[in-house]
Amino acid sequence: MYKTTTLRLPEKLLKEINKFVEDGNLDRSSYLREIILKGFEVDKCERILAQYETGKLSLEEASQKLQVDIWKFLQILKDSNRNLNVSLEDLLGSSD
């Protein structure tokens, strides 16, 4: 179910969006919903990755927040050129 919300956009951006949807024969509301969802997913992922990198989230917590399994989360880390949040001590300690 969709809910109505209002937001203010810079006039220049709104003109660009209007021209783009007209040229592409798109429905403006559907297009805006689509790009907001895409932008939200990207921003959410970046913020969760940052929290993981700083140690605020564990590997499991971060993967749960992104609603992906741990293997997919590891692939996301790799694709975004980020490192595992594991110290040398953690690695050496796990080999005992």
PDB file of N, CA and C in Angstrom:
ATOM      1  N   MET A   1       0.841  -1.179   0.000  1.00  0.00           N
ATOM      2  CA  MET A   1       0.000   0.000   0.000  1.00  0.00           C
ATOM      3  C   MET A   1       0.887   1.245   0.000  1.00  0.00           C
ATOM      4  N   TYR A   2       0.556   2.162  -0.834  1.00  0.00           N
ATOM      5  CA  TYR A   2       1.324   3.403  -0.929  1.00  0.00           C
ATOM      6  C   TYR A   2       0.714   4.471  -0.040  1.00  0.00           C
ATOM      7  N   LYS A   3       1.567   5.281   0.558  1.00  0.00           N
ATOM      8  CA  LYS A   3       1.161   6.436   1.360  1.00  0.00           C
ATOM      9  C   LYS A   3       1.687   7.685   0.677  1.00  0.00           C
ATOM     10  N   THR A   4       0.944   8.748   0.775  1.00  0.00           N
ATOM     11  CA  THR A   4       1.345  10.008   0.162  1.00  0.00           C
ATOM     12  C   THR A   4       2.307  10.750   1.085  1.00  0.00           C
ATOM     13  N   THR A   5       3.336  11.329   0.480  1.00  0.00           N
ATOM     14  CA  THR A   5       4.270  12.179   1.211  1.00  0.00           C
ATOM     15  C   THR A   5       4.633  13.354   0.308  1.00  0.00           C
ATOM     16  N   THR A   6       5.099  14.404   0.922  1.00  0.00           N
ATOM     17  CA  THR A   6       5.464  15.598   0.161  1.00  0.00           C
ATOM     18  C   THR A   6       6.929  15.920   0.425  1.00  0.00           C
ATOM     19  N   LEU A   7       7.627  16.335  -0.619  1.00  0.00           N
ATOM     20  CA  LEU A   7       8.998  16.774  -0.436  1.00  0.00           C
ATOM     21  C   LEU A   7       9.287  17.924  -1.381  1.00  0.00           C
ATOM     22  N   ARG A   8      10.269  18.705  -1.010  1.00  0.00           N
ATOM     23  CA  ARG A   8      10.670  19.843  -1.832  1.00  0.00           C
ATOM     24  C   ARG A   8      11.941  19.471  -2.576  1.00  0.00           C
ATOM     25  N   LEU A   9      11.935  19.753  -3.866  1.00  0.00           N
ATOM     26  CA  LEU A   9      13.091  19.484  -4.712  1.00  0.00           C
ATOM     27  C   LEU A   9      13.559  20.787  -5.335  1.00  0.00           C
ATOM     28  N   PRO A  10      14.851  20.900  -5.581  1.00  0.00           N
ATOM     29  CA  PRO A  10      15.324  22.079  -6.302  1.00  0.00           C
ATOM     30  C   PRO A  10      14.635  22.152  -7.672  1.00  0.00           C
ATOM     31  N   GLU A  11      14.296  23.358  -8.078  1.00  0.00           N
ATOM     32  CA  GLU A  11      13.567  23.555  -9.331  1.00  0.00           C
ATOM     33  C   GLU A  11      14.310  22.949 -10.522  1.00  0.00           C
ATOM     34  N   LYS A  12      15.624  23.125 -10.548  1.00  0.00           N
ATOM     35  CA  LYS A  12      16.413  22.597 -11.659  1.00  0.00           C
ATOM     36  C   LYS A  12      16.296  21.073 -11.743  1.00  0.00           C
ATOM     37  N   LEU A  13      16.378  20.402 -10.596  1.00  0.00           N
ATOM     38  CA  LEU A  13      16.250  18.942 -10.574  1.00  0.00           C
ATOM     39  C   LEU A  13      14.865  18.511 -11.037  1.00  0.00           C
ATOM     40  N   LEU A  14      13.845  19.188 -10.566  1.00  0.00           N
ATOM     41  CA  LEU A  14      12.484  18.841 -10.960  1.00  0.00           C
ATOM     42  C   LEU A  14      12.277  19.017 -12.462  1.00  0.00           C
ATOM     43  N   LYS A  15      12.855  20.063 -13.029  1.00  0.00           N
ATOM     44  CA  LYS A  15      12.760  20.263 -14.480  1.00  0.00           C
ATOM     45  C   LYS A  15      13.455  19.129 -15.226  1.00  0.00           C
ATOM     46  N   GLU A  16      14.630  18.724 -14.731  1.00  0.00           N
ATOM     47  CA  GLU A  16      15.348  17.612 -15.366  1.00  0.00           C
ATOM     48  C   GLU A  16      14.539  16.324 -15.292  1.00  0.00           C
ATOM     49  N   ILE A  17      13.954  16.074 -14.131  1.00  0.00           N
ATOM     50  CA  ILE A  17      13.136  14.864 -13.964  1.00  0.00           C
ATOM     51  C   ILE A  17      11.944  14.905 -14.906  1.00  0.00           C
ATOM     52  N   ASN A  18      11.261  16.046 -14.950  1.00  0.00           N
ATOM     53  CA  ASN A  18      10.091  16.167 -15.831  1.00  0.00           C
ATOM     54  C   ASN A  18      10.460  15.935 -17.290  1.00  0.00           C
ATOM     55  N   LYS A  19      11.572  16.504 -17.720  1.00  0.00           N
ATOM     56  CA  LYS A  19      12.008  16.315 -19.107  1.00  0.00           C
ATOM     57  C   LYS A  19      12.355  14.854 -19.364  1.00  0.00           C
ATOM     58  N   PHE A  20      13.056  14.235 -18.412  1.00  0.00           N
ATOM     59  CA  PHE A  20      13.461  12.842 -18.564  1.00  0.00           C
ATOM     60  C   PHE A  20      12.248  11.921 -18.677  1.00  0.00           C
ATOM     61  N   VAL A  21      11.258  12.111 -17.800  1.00  0.00           N
ATOM     62  CA  VAL A  21      10.087  11.227 -17.855  1.00  0.00           C
ATOM     63  C   VAL A  21       9.253  11.482 -19.105  1.00  0.00           C
ATOM     64  N   GLU A  22       9.202  12.734 -19.551  1.00  0.00           N
ATOM     65  CA  GLU A  22       8.478  13.032 -20.797  1.00  0.00           C
ATOM     66  C   GLU A  22       9.173  12.385 -21.990  1.00  0.00           C
ATOM     67  N   ASP A  23      10.498  12.554 -22.066  1.00  0.00           N
ATOM     68  CA  ASP A  23      11.261  11.976 -23.177  1.00  0.00           C
ATOM     69  C   ASP A  23      11.194  10.448 -23.177  1.00  0.00           C
ATOM     70  N   GLY A  24      11.156   9.869 -21.993  1.00  0.00           N
ATOM     71  CA  GLY A  24      11.132   8.410 -21.884  1.00  0.00           C
ATOM     72  C   GLY A  24       9.735   7.832 -21.824  1.00  0.00           C
ATOM     73  N   ASN A  25       8.727   8.711 -21.919  1.00  0.00           N
ATOM     74  CA  ASN A  25       7.334   8.271 -21.874  1.00  0.00           C
ATOM     75  C   ASN A  25       7.064   7.465 -20.594  1.00  0.00           C
ATOM     76  N   LEU A  26       7.528   8.010 -19.463  1.00  0.00           N
ATOM     77  CA  LEU A  26       7.399   7.343 -18.173  1.00  0.00           C
ATOM     78  C   LEU A  26       6.361   8.043 -17.309  1.00  0.00           C
ATOM     79  N   ASP A  27       5.833   7.318 -16.336  1.00  0.00           N
ATOM     80  CA  ASP A  27       4.944   7.907 -15.344  1.00  0.00           C
ATOM     81  C   ASP A  27       5.816   8.531 -14.253  1.00  0.00           C
ATOM     82  N   ARG A  28       5.643   9.821 -14.000  1.00  0.00           N
ATOM     83  CA  ARG A  28       6.525  10.526 -13.074  1.00  0.00           C
ATOM     84  C   ARG A  28       6.469   9.952 -11.662  1.00  0.00           C
ATOM     85  N   SER A  29       5.288   9.679 -11.155  1.00  0.00           N
ATOM     86  CA  SER A  29       5.177   9.142  -9.793  1.00  0.00           C
ATOM     87  C   SER A  29       5.861   7.787  -9.665  1.00  0.00           C
ATOM     88  N   SER A  30       5.638   6.924 -10.632  1.00  0.00           N
ATOM     89  CA  SER A  30       6.272   5.597 -10.604  1.00  0.00           C
ATOM     90  C   SER A  30       7.784   5.729 -10.693  1.00  0.00           C
ATOM     91  N   TYR A  31       8.236   6.618 -11.559  1.00  0.00           N
ATOM     92  CA  TYR A  31       9.674   6.830 -11.719  1.00  0.00           C
ATOM     93  C   TYR A  31      10.292   7.347 -10.421  1.00  0.00           C
ATOM     94  N   LEU A  32       9.653   8.326  -9.793  1.00  0.00           N
ATOM     95  CA  LEU A  32      10.179   8.874  -8.541  1.00  0.00           C
ATOM     96  C   LEU A  32      10.202   7.819  -7.439  1.00  0.00           C
ATOM     97  N   ARG A  33       9.158   6.996  -7.352  1.00  0.00           N
ATOM     98  CA  ARG A  33       9.151   5.911  -6.368  1.00  0.00           C
ATOM     99  C   ARG A  33      10.326   4.968  -6.606  1.00  0.00           C
ATOM    100  N   GLU A  34      10.554   4.639  -7.866  1.00  0.00           N
ATOM    101  CA  GLU A  34      11.630   3.713  -8.223  1.00  0.00           C
ATOM    102  C   GLU A  34      13.007   4.269  -7.851  1.00  0.00           C
ATOM    103  N   ILE A  35      13.262   5.534  -8.181  1.00  0.00           N
ATOM    104  CA  ILE A  35      14.592   6.075  -7.891  1.00  0.00           C
ATOM    105  C   ILE A  35      14.784   6.348  -6.401  1.00  0.00           C
ATOM    106  N   ILE A  36      13.720   6.673  -5.689  1.00  0.00           N
ATOM    107  CA  ILE A  36      13.840   6.838  -4.236  1.00  0.00           C
ATOM    108  C   ILE A  36      14.167   5.497  -3.595  1.00  0.00           C
ATOM    109  N   LEU A  37      13.509   4.440  -4.034  1.00  0.00           N
ATOM    110  CA  LEU A  37      13.788   3.110  -3.495  1.00  0.00           C
ATOM    111  C   LEU A  37      15.228   2.690  -3.787  1.00  0.00           C
ATOM    112  N   LYS A  38      15.683   2.911  -5.020  1.00  0.00           N
ATOM    113  CA  LYS A  38      17.067   2.565  -5.373  1.00  0.00           C
ATOM    114  C   LYS A  38      18.057   3.361  -4.526  1.00  0.00           C
ATOM    115  N   GLY A  39      17.821   4.650  -4.407  1.00  0.00           N
ATOM    116  CA  GLY A  39      18.709   5.500  -3.613  1.00  0.00           C
ATOM    117  C   GLY A  39      18.716   5.105  -2.149  1.00  0.00           C
ATOM    118  N   PHE A  40      17.553   4.753  -1.625  1.00  0.00           N
ATOM    119  CA  PHE A  40      17.459   4.322  -0.233  1.00  0.00           C
ATOM    120  C   PHE A  40      18.259   3.046  -0.011  1.00  0.00           C
ATOM    121  N   GLU A  41      18.118   2.090  -0.911  1.00  0.00           N
ATOM    122  CA  GLU A  41      18.840   0.818  -0.772  1.00  0.00           C
ATOM    123  C   GLU A  41      20.358   1.038  -0.808  1.00  0.00           C
ATOM    124  N   VAL A  42      20.816   1.903  -1.697  1.00  0.00           N
ATOM    125  CA  VAL A  42      22.254   2.196  -1.788  1.00  0.00           C
ATOM    126  C   VAL A  42      22.735   2.881  -0.512  1.00  0.00           C
ATOM    127  N   ASP A  43      22.003   3.885  -0.053  1.00  0.00           N
ATOM    128  CA  ASP A  43      22.398   4.621   1.146  1.00  0.00           C
ATOM    129  C   ASP A  43      22.376   3.718   2.376  1.00  0.00           C
ATOM    130  N   LYS A  44      21.341   2.911   2.494  1.00  0.00           N
ATOM    131  CA  LYS A  44      21.225   1.979   3.619  1.00  0.00           C
ATOM    132  C   LYS A  44      22.423   1.029   3.644  1.00  0.00           C
ATOM    133  N   CYS A  45      22.775   0.488   2.503  1.00  0.00           N
ATOM    134  CA  CYS A  45      23.906  -0.433   2.402  1.00  0.00           C
ATOM    135  C   CYS A  45      25.203   0.270   2.802  1.00  0.00           C
ATOM    136  N   GLU A  46      25.435   1.471   2.295  1.00  0.00           N
ATOM    137  CA  GLU A  46      26.659   2.209   2.618  1.00  0.00           C
ATOM    138  C   GLU A  46      26.767   2.497   4.111  1.00  0.00           C
ATOM    139  N   ARG A  47      25.659   2.868   4.724  1.00  0.00           N
ATOM    140  CA  ARG A  47      25.677   3.181   6.155  1.00  0.00           C
ATOM    141  C   ARG A  47      25.913   1.935   7.003  1.00  0.00           C
ATOM    142  N   ILE A  48      25.306   0.824   6.601  1.00  0.00           N
ATOM    143  CA  ILE A  48      25.510  -0.424   7.334  1.00  0.00           C
ATOM    144  C   ILE A  48      26.949  -0.899   7.170  1.00  0.00           C
ATOM    145  N   LEU A  49      27.498  -0.776   5.966  1.00  0.00           N
ATOM    146  CA  LEU A  49      28.904  -1.138   5.753  1.00  0.00           C
ATOM    147  C   LEU A  49      29.823  -0.276   6.618  1.00  0.00           C
ATOM    148  N   ALA A  50      29.522   1.007   6.721  1.00  0.00           N
ATOM    149  CA  ALA A  50      30.334   1.904   7.550  1.00  0.00           C
ATOM    150  C   ALA A  50      30.246   1.500   9.021  1.00  0.00           C
ATOM    151  N   GLN A  51      29.058   1.130   9.480  1.00  0.00           N
ATOM    152  CA  GLN A  51      28.901   0.686  10.866  1.00  0.00           C
ATOM    153  C   GLN A  51      29.660  -0.616  11.104  1.00  0.00           C
ATOM    154  N   TYR A  52      29.659  -1.483  10.117  1.00  0.00           N
ATOM    155  CA  TYR A  52      30.417  -2.732  10.233  1.00  0.00           C
ATOM    156  C   TYR A  52      31.917  -2.434  10.306  1.00  0.00           C
ATOM    157  N   GLU A  53      32.385  -1.545   9.425  1.00  0.00           N
ATOM    158  CA  GLU A  53      33.817  -1.214   9.386  1.00  0.00           C
ATOM    159  C   GLU A  53      34.316  -0.612  10.696  1.00  0.00           C
ATOM    160  N   THR A  54      33.469   0.171  11.352  1.00  0.00           N
ATOM    161  CA  THR A  54      33.885   0.809  12.605  1.00  0.00           C
ATOM    162  C   THR A  54      33.660  -0.091  13.815  1.00  0.00           C
ATOM    163  N   GLY A  55      33.127  -1.276  13.588  1.00  0.00           N
ATOM    164  CA  GLY A  55      32.922  -2.218  14.682  1.00  0.00           C
ATOM    165  C   GLY A  55      31.622  -2.039  15.431  1.00  0.00           C
ATOM    166  N   LYS A  56      30.755  -1.156  14.958  1.00  0.00           N
ATOM    167  CA  LYS A  56      29.470  -0.953  15.625  1.00  0.00           C
ATOM    168  C   LYS A  56      28.513  -2.109  15.354  1.00  0.00           C
ATOM    169  N   LEU A  57      28.743  -2.815  14.251  1.00  0.00           N
ATOM    170  CA  LEU A  57      27.935  -3.985  13.916  1.00  0.00           C
ATOM    171  C   LEU A  57      28.849  -5.165  13.653  1.00  0.00           C
ATOM    172  N   SER A  58      28.408  -6.329  14.072  1.00  0.00           N
ATOM    173  CA  SER A  58      29.145  -7.551  13.749  1.00  0.00           C
ATOM    174  C   SER A  58      28.788  -7.976  12.330  1.00  0.00           C
ATOM    175  N   LEU A  59      29.503  -8.954  11.832  1.00  0.00           N
ATOM    176  CA  LEU A  59      29.228  -9.504  10.507  1.00  0.00           C
ATOM    177  C   LEU A  59      27.789 -10.001  10.433  1.00  0.00           C
ATOM    178  N   GLU A  60      27.375 -10.720  11.450  1.00  0.00           N
ATOM    179  CA  GLU A  60      26.014 -11.263  11.479  1.00  0.00           C
ATOM    180  C   GLU A  60      24.971 -10.153  11.563  1.00  0.00           C
ATOM    181  N   GLU A  61      25.201  -9.162  12.420  1.00  0.00           N
ATOM    182  CA  GLU A  61      24.249  -8.055  12.562  1.00  0.00           C
ATOM    183  C   GLU A  61      24.102  -7.279  11.255  1.00  0.00           C
ATOM    184  N   ALA A  62      25.228  -7.003  10.611  1.00  0.00           N
ATOM    185  CA  ALA A  62      25.195  -6.249   9.356  1.00  0.00           C
ATOM    186  C   ALA A  62      24.457  -7.027   8.278  1.00  0.00           C
ATOM    187  N   SER A  63      24.718  -8.316   8.175  1.00  0.00           N
ATOM    188  CA  SER A  63      24.034  -9.115   7.151  1.00  0.00           C
ATOM    189  C   SER A  63      22.542  -9.187   7.439  1.00  0.00           C
ATOM    190  N   GLN A  64      22.159  -9.265   8.711  1.00  0.00           N
ATOM    191  CA  GLN A  64      20.738  -9.277   9.062  1.00  0.00           C
ATOM    192  C   GLN A  64      20.065  -7.957   8.706  1.00  0.00           C
ATOM    193  N   LYS A  65      20.740  -6.849   8.989  1.00  0.00           N
ATOM    194  CA  LYS A  65      20.161  -5.537   8.668  1.00  0.00           C
ATOM    195  C   LYS A  65      19.966  -5.359   7.165  1.00  0.00           C
ATOM    196  N   LEU A  66      20.859  -5.955   6.382  1.00  0.00           N
ATOM    197  CA  LEU A  66      20.724  -5.885   4.923  1.00  0.00           C
ATOM    198  C   LEU A  66      19.821  -6.995   4.379  1.00  0.00           C
ATOM    199  N   GLN A  67      19.393  -7.877   5.259  1.00  0.00           N
ATOM    200  CA  GLN A  67      18.519  -8.996   4.897  1.00  0.00           C
ATOM    201  C   GLN A  67      19.151  -9.891   3.829  1.00  0.00           C
ATOM    202  N   VAL A  68      20.433 -10.192   4.044  1.00  0.00           N
ATOM    203  CA  VAL A  68      21.164 -11.105   3.162  1.00  0.00           C
ATOM    204  C   VAL A  68      21.899 -12.113   4.043  1.00  0.00           C
ATOM    205  N   ASP A  69      22.258 -13.255   3.459  1.00  0.00           N
ATOM    206  CA  ASP A  69      23.043 -14.205   4.242  1.00  0.00           C
ATOM    207  C   ASP A  69      24.488 -13.702   4.340  1.00  0.00           C
ATOM    208  N   ILE A  70      25.242 -14.334   5.220  1.00  0.00           N
ATOM    209  CA  ILE A  70      26.610 -13.877   5.483  1.00  0.00           C
ATOM    210  C   ILE A  70      27.472 -13.947   4.229  1.00  0.00           C
ATOM    211  N   TRP A  71      27.282 -14.984   3.414  1.00  0.00           N
ATOM    212  CA  TRP A  71      28.076 -15.117   2.184  1.00  0.00           C
ATOM    213  C   TRP A  71      27.807 -13.960   1.229  1.00  0.00           C
ATOM    214  N   LYS A  72      26.545 -13.561   1.116  1.00  0.00           N
ATOM    215  CA  LYS A  72      26.192 -12.425   0.253  1.00  0.00           C
ATOM    216  C   LYS A  72      26.800 -11.138   0.822  1.00  0.00           C
ATOM    217  N   PHE A  73      26.773 -10.997   2.152  1.00  0.00           N
ATOM    218  CA  PHE A  73      27.366  -9.817   2.773  1.00  0.00           C
ATOM    219  C   PHE A  73      28.864  -9.756   2.493  1.00  0.00           C
ATOM    220  N   LEU A  74      29.539 -10.895   2.577  1.00  0.00           N
ATOM    221  CA  LEU A  74      30.970 -10.933   2.264  1.00  0.00           C
ATOM    222  C   LEU A  74      31.221 -10.528   0.815  1.00  0.00           C
ATOM    223  N   GLN A  75      30.328 -10.921  -0.083  1.00  0.00           N
ATOM    224  CA  GLN A  75      30.455 -10.523  -1.489  1.00  0.00           C
ATOM    225  C   GLN A  75      30.246  -9.015  -1.647  1.00  0.00           C
ATOM    226  N   ILE A  76      29.297  -8.464  -0.891  1.00  0.00           N
ATOM    227  CA  ILE A  76      29.061  -7.012  -0.922  1.00  0.00           C
ATOM    228  C   ILE A  76      30.310  -6.278  -0.433  1.00  0.00           C
ATOM    229  N   LEU A  77      30.919  -6.788   0.637  1.00  0.00           N
ATOM    230  CA  LEU A  77      32.172  -6.192   1.130  1.00  0.00           C
ATOM    231  C   LEU A  77      33.235  -6.203   0.040  1.00  0.00           C
ATOM    232  N   LYS A  78      33.389  -7.343  -0.602  1.00  0.00           N
ATOM    233  CA  LYS A  78      34.399  -7.479  -1.658  1.00  0.00           C
ATOM    234  C   LYS A  78      34.106  -6.526  -2.813  1.00  0.00           C
ATOM    235  N   ASP A  79      32.847  -6.496  -3.251  1.00  0.00           N
ATOM    236  CA  ASP A  79      32.470  -5.650  -4.387  1.00  0.00           C
ATOM    237  C   ASP A  79      32.673  -4.166  -4.105  1.00  0.00           C
ATOM    238  N   SER A  80      32.557  -3.783  -2.833  1.00  0.00           N
ATOM    239  CA  SER A  80      32.729  -2.369  -2.480  1.00  0.00           C
ATOM    240  C   SER A  80      34.149  -2.073  -1.990  1.00  0.00           C
ATOM    241  N   ASN A  81      35.061  -3.032  -2.219  1.00  0.00           N
ATOM    242  CA  ASN A  81      36.473  -2.872  -1.837  1.00  0.00           C
ATOM    243  C   ASN A  81      36.651  -2.536  -0.363  1.00  0.00           C
ATOM    244  N   ARG A  82      35.886  -3.211   0.474  1.00  0.00           N
ATOM    245  CA  ARG A  82      36.004  -3.017   1.918  1.00  0.00           C
ATOM    246  C   ARG A  82      36.590  -4.276   2.537  1.00  0.00           C
ATOM    247  N   ASN A  83      37.163  -4.109   3.694  1.00  0.00           N
ATOM    248  CA  ASN A  83      37.836  -5.219   4.361  1.00  0.00           C
ATOM    249  C   ASN A  83      36.964  -5.822   5.450  1.00  0.00           C
ATOM    250  N   LEU A  84      37.282  -7.060   5.780  1.00  0.00           N
ATOM    251  CA  LEU A  84      36.652  -7.688   6.930  1.00  0.00           C
ATOM    252  C   LEU A  84      37.051  -6.928   8.181  1.00  0.00           C
ATOM    253  N   ASN A  85      36.139  -6.827   9.107  1.00  0.00           N
ATOM    254  CA  ASN A  85      36.412  -6.155  10.375  1.00  0.00           C
ATOM    255  C   ASN A  85      36.990  -7.187  11.349  1.00  0.00           C
ATOM    256  N   VAL A  86      38.172  -7.683  11.012  1.00  0.00           N
ATOM    257  CA  VAL A  86      38.834  -8.715  11.807  1.00  0.00           C
ATOM    258  C   VAL A  86      40.274  -8.271  12.035  1.00  0.00           C
ATOM    259  N   SER A  87      40.698  -8.318  13.287  1.00  0.00           N
ATOM    260  CA  SER A  87      42.078  -7.925  13.592  1.00  0.00           C
ATOM    261  C   SER A  87      43.002  -9.134  13.482  1.00  0.00           C
ATOM    262  N   LEU A  88      44.284  -8.861  13.430  1.00  0.00           N
ATOM    263  CA  LEU A  88      45.279  -9.926  13.393  1.00  0.00           C
ATOM    264  C   LEU A  88      45.171 -10.793  14.647  1.00  0.00           C
ATOM    265  N   GLU A  89      44.905 -10.155  15.783  1.00  0.00           N
ATOM    266  CA  GLU A  89      44.744 -10.897  17.036  1.00  0.00           C
ATOM    267  C   GLU A  89      43.566 -11.856  16.953  1.00  0.00           C
ATOM    268  N   ASP A  90      42.470 -11.407  16.323  1.00  0.00           N
ATOM    269  CA  ASP A  90      41.310 -12.285  16.153  1.00  0.00           C
ATOM    270  C   ASP A  90      41.683 -13.507  15.329  1.00  0.00           C
ATOM    271  N   LEU A  91      42.415 -13.277  14.251  1.00  0.00           N
ATOM    272  CA  LEU A  91      42.811 -14.386  13.381  1.00  0.00           C
ATOM    273  C   LEU A  91      43.768 -15.336  14.088  1.00  0.00           C
ATOM    274  N   LEU A  92      44.754 -14.776  14.789  1.00  0.00           N
ATOM    275  CA  LEU A  92      45.720 -15.613  15.494  1.00  0.00           C
ATOM    276  C   LEU A  92      45.072 -16.351  16.656  1.00  0.00           C
ATOM    277  N   GLY A  93      44.143 -15.689  17.316  1.00  0.00           N
ATOM    278  CA  GLY A  93      43.450 -16.311  18.445  1.00  0.00           C
ATOM    279  C   GLY A  93      42.545 -17.445  18.021  1.00  0.00           C
ATOM    280  N   SER A  94      42.016 -17.381  16.815  1.00  0.00           N
ATOM    281  CA  SER A  94      41.098 -18.423  16.353  1.00  0.00           C
ATOM    282  C   SER A  94      41.824 -19.682  15.921  1.00  0.00           C
ATOM    283  N   SER A  95      43.144 -19.625  15.780  1.00  0.00           N
ATOM    284  CA  SER A  95      43.889 -20.800  15.333  1.00  0.00           C
ATOM    285  C   SER A  95      44.346 -21.674  16.495  1.00  0.00           C
ATOM    286  N   ASP A  96      44.072 -21.236  17.718  1.00  0.00           N
ATOM    287  CA  ASP A  96      44.497 -22.017  18.895  1.00  0.00           C
ATOM    288  C   ASP A  96      43.681 -23.264  19.071  1.00  0.00           C
TER     289      ASP A  96
END
